[in-house]
Amino acid sequence: MWLFLIMTRFENMKTATFEHAALLAAFEDVKDNHGCAGVDGVTIGQFEKRLAVNLAGLRSELNDGTYFPLPLMKIQVAKKNGEPRGLCIPTVRDRVVQTAVLHRINSLFEKEFEECSFAYRQGRSVRQAVMRIKEFHEQGYRWVVDADIDAFFDHPC
């Protein structure tokens, strides 16, 4: 079912067009995250200095099907336990595109999630998850299941 759902929505995204306003809103979200430059060395500030040109170029590439993401910049950062963790950082332009796509598909996928799911969902927090657990505890429930794939994001990009 999920594979069909994803494929159906992906096919719709292939024919979708992107407007300037959608890319501008995506850029503002990327800017708010204060991320670093990717392999092209372009910072958020540099991207913003030529914002109209950069967004027009992205819009053109997306709408005519010529957009391709640049390679990821791979870095190592230390985990709390001192072990290295690999991170793959996209360029600012690719983060803008990813965010624009996320804005478009978020509502489609949001209705597929279970009400009890909190991870990686906009408008949901750890605090809200804890409060929900507290509510269930007060109703007499005594077990909590926390399911995760161990080190899922630690695999090479």
Protein backbone atom coordinates (compact mmCIF):
# COMPACT_ATOMS: atom_id res chain seq x y z
CA MET A 1 0.00 0.00 0.00
CA TRP A 2 2.70 2.54 0.99
CA LEU A 3 4.74 1.88 -2.15
CA PHE A 4 1.68 2.45 -4.33
CA LEU A 5 0.85 5.62 -2.38
CA ILE A 6 4.37 7.00 -2.77
CA MET A 7 4.62 6.09 -6.45
CA THR A 8 1.23 7.66 -7.22
CA ARG A 9 2.17 10.87 -5.49
CA PHE A 10 5.65 10.88 -7.04
CA GLU A 11 4.13 10.61 -10.49
CA ASN A 12 1.94 13.62 -9.70
CA MET A 13 5.00 15.55 -8.47
CA LYS A 14 6.81 14.90 -11.76
CA THR A 15 4.18 16.94 -13.59
CA ALA A 16 3.77 19.58 -10.88
CA THR A 17 4.87 23.16 -11.48
CA PHE A 18 6.49 25.42 -8.93
CA GLU A 19 5.62 29.08 -8.51
CA HIS A 20 7.98 31.82 -7.34
CA ALA A 21 6.02 32.27 -4.10
CA ALA A 22 6.45 28.59 -3.20
CA LEU A 23 10.20 28.74 -3.76
CA LEU A 24 10.44 32.02 -1.82
CA ALA A 25 8.59 30.48 1.14
CA ALA A 26 10.92 27.47 0.96
CA PHE A 27 13.97 29.75 0.93
CA GLU A 28 12.70 31.57 4.04
CA ASP A 29 12.42 28.23 5.87
CA VAL A 30 15.94 27.25 4.76
CA LYS A 31 17.24 30.65 5.91
CA ASP A 32 15.55 30.23 9.30
CA ASN A 33 17.47 26.95 9.81
CA HIS A 34 20.85 28.74 9.51
CA GLY A 35 22.52 25.86 7.66
CA CYS A 36 25.97 25.90 6.12
CA ALA A 37 27.06 25.87 2.49
CA GLY A 38 27.20 22.63 0.51
CA VAL A 39 29.76 21.41 -2.02
CA ASP A 40 29.31 24.53 -4.17
CA GLY A 41 30.42 26.76 -1.28
CA VAL A 42 27.35 29.01 -1.62
CA THR A 43 26.13 30.23 1.78
CA ILE A 44 22.57 31.25 2.58
CA GLY A 45 23.69 34.88 2.53
CA GLN A 46 25.30 34.53 -0.89
CA PHE A 47 22.22 32.76 -2.25
CA GLU A 48 20.04 35.54 -0.84
CA LYS A 49 22.11 38.31 -2.47
CA ARG A 50 20.98 36.96 -5.87
CA LEU A 51 17.68 35.59 -4.59
CA ALA A 52 15.49 36.63 -7.52
CA VAL A 53 17.93 35.20 -10.06
CA ASN A 54 18.53 32.02 -8.06
CA LEU A 55 14.82 31.33 -7.53
CA ALA A 56 14.02 32.09 -11.17
CA GLY A 57 16.72 29.63 -12.25
CA LEU A 58 15.44 26.94 -9.90
CA ARG A 59 11.87 27.53 -11.01
CA SER A 60 12.87 27.20 -14.64
CA GLU A 61 14.86 24.00 -14.02
CA LEU A 62 12.06 22.46 -11.96
CA ASN A 63 9.30 23.34 -14.38
CA ASP A 64 11.14 22.22 -17.51
CA GLY A 65 12.48 19.02 -15.95
CA THR A 66 16.18 19.88 -16.10
CA TYR A 67 16.78 20.22 -12.33
CA PHE A 68 19.26 17.81 -10.80
CA PRO A 69 20.66 18.11 -7.27
CA LEU A 70 24.36 18.67 -6.72
CA PRO A 71 26.46 16.11 -4.82
CA LEU A 72 26.25 16.11 -1.05
CA MET A 73 29.06 17.47 1.10
CA LYS A 74 30.12 14.73 3.50
CA ILE A 75 31.49 15.68 6.90
CA GLN A 76 32.16 13.89 10.19
CA VAL A 77 30.93 15.25 13.52
CA ALA A 78 31.42 13.75 16.95
CA LYS A 79 28.44 12.16 18.71
CA LYS A 80 27.94 12.70 22.44
CA ASN A 81 29.85 9.47 23.07
CA GLY A 82 32.77 10.72 20.95
CA GLU A 83 32.17 8.37 18.02
CA PRO A 84 32.13 9.97 14.58
CA ARG A 85 28.87 10.42 12.77
CA GLY A 86 28.72 11.12 9.06
CA LEU A 87 26.54 13.94 7.84
CA CYS A 88 25.67 14.66 4.23
CA ILE A 89 24.87 18.31 3.56
CA PRO A 90 22.98 19.43 0.48
CA THR A 91 23.61 22.80 -1.15
CA VAL A 92 21.38 25.75 -0.27
CA ARG A 93 19.70 25.54 -3.70
CA ASP A 94 18.92 21.86 -3.15
CA ARG A 95 17.58 22.52 0.34
CA VAL A 96 15.26 25.15 -1.14
CA VAL A 97 13.94 22.60 -3.65
CA GLN A 98 13.61 19.90 -0.99
CA THR A 99 11.70 22.29 1.26
CA ALA A 100 9.39 23.38 -1.58
CA VAL A 101 8.62 19.74 -2.33
CA LEU A 102 8.08 19.06 1.38
CA HIS A 103 5.61 21.94 1.59
CA ARG A 104 3.68 20.38 -1.30
CA ILE A 105 3.60 16.78 -0.15
CA ASN A 106 3.42 17.30 3.60
CA SER A 107 -0.37 17.53 3.69
CA LEU A 108 -0.66 14.44 1.49
CA PHE A 109 1.44 12.31 3.81
CA GLU A 110 0.28 13.90 7.05
CA LYS A 111 -3.16 12.29 6.70
CA GLU A 112 -1.49 8.86 6.36
CA PHE A 113 0.25 9.04 9.76
CA GLU A 114 -1.30 7.53 12.85
CA GLU A 115 -2.40 9.98 15.53
CA CYS A 116 0.10 8.39 17.94
CA SER A 117 3.08 9.22 15.70
CA PHE A 118 5.11 12.25 16.77
CA ALA A 119 8.59 11.92 15.26
CA TYR A 120 9.60 14.18 12.36
CA ARG A 121 6.18 15.78 12.08
CA GLN A 122 5.67 19.50 11.81
CA GLY A 123 3.87 20.98 14.78
CA ARG A 124 4.62 17.99 17.01
CA SER A 125 7.23 17.90 19.72
CA VAL A 126 8.84 15.63 22.27
CA ARG A 127 6.95 17.55 24.95
CA GLN A 128 3.62 16.73 23.26
CA ALA A 129 4.59 13.06 23.04
CA VAL A 130 5.43 13.00 26.74
CA MET A 131 2.13 14.67 27.60
CA ARG A 132 0.25 12.06 25.54
CA ILE A 133 2.08 9.28 27.38
CA LYS A 134 1.15 10.93 30.69
CA GLU A 135 -2.52 11.04 29.61
CA PHE A 136 -2.46 7.34 28.74
CA HIS A 137 -0.76 6.54 32.06
CA GLU A 138 -3.53 8.38 33.89
CA GLN A 139 -6.05 6.24 31.94
CA GLY A 140 -4.41 3.08 33.30
CA TYR A 141 -2.02 2.12 30.52
CA ARG A 142 1.36 0.89 31.78
CA TRP A 143 3.43 0.10 28.67
CA VAL A 144 5.11 2.42 26.18
CA VAL A 145 6.62 1.16 22.94
CA ASP A 146 9.35 3.30 21.38
CA ALA A 147 10.24 1.84 17.99
CA ASP A 148 13.17 3.06 15.91
CA ILE A 149 15.63 1.67 13.41
CA ASP A 150 18.99 1.75 15.16
CA ALA A 151 21.44 4.20 13.55
CA PHE A 152 19.22 4.55 10.45
CA PHE A 153 20.67 7.94 9.51
CA ASP A 154 24.25 6.85 10.23
CA HIS A 155 24.58 4.86 7.00
CA PRO A 156 26.67 6.44 4.24
CA CYS A 157 24.82 8.79 1.93
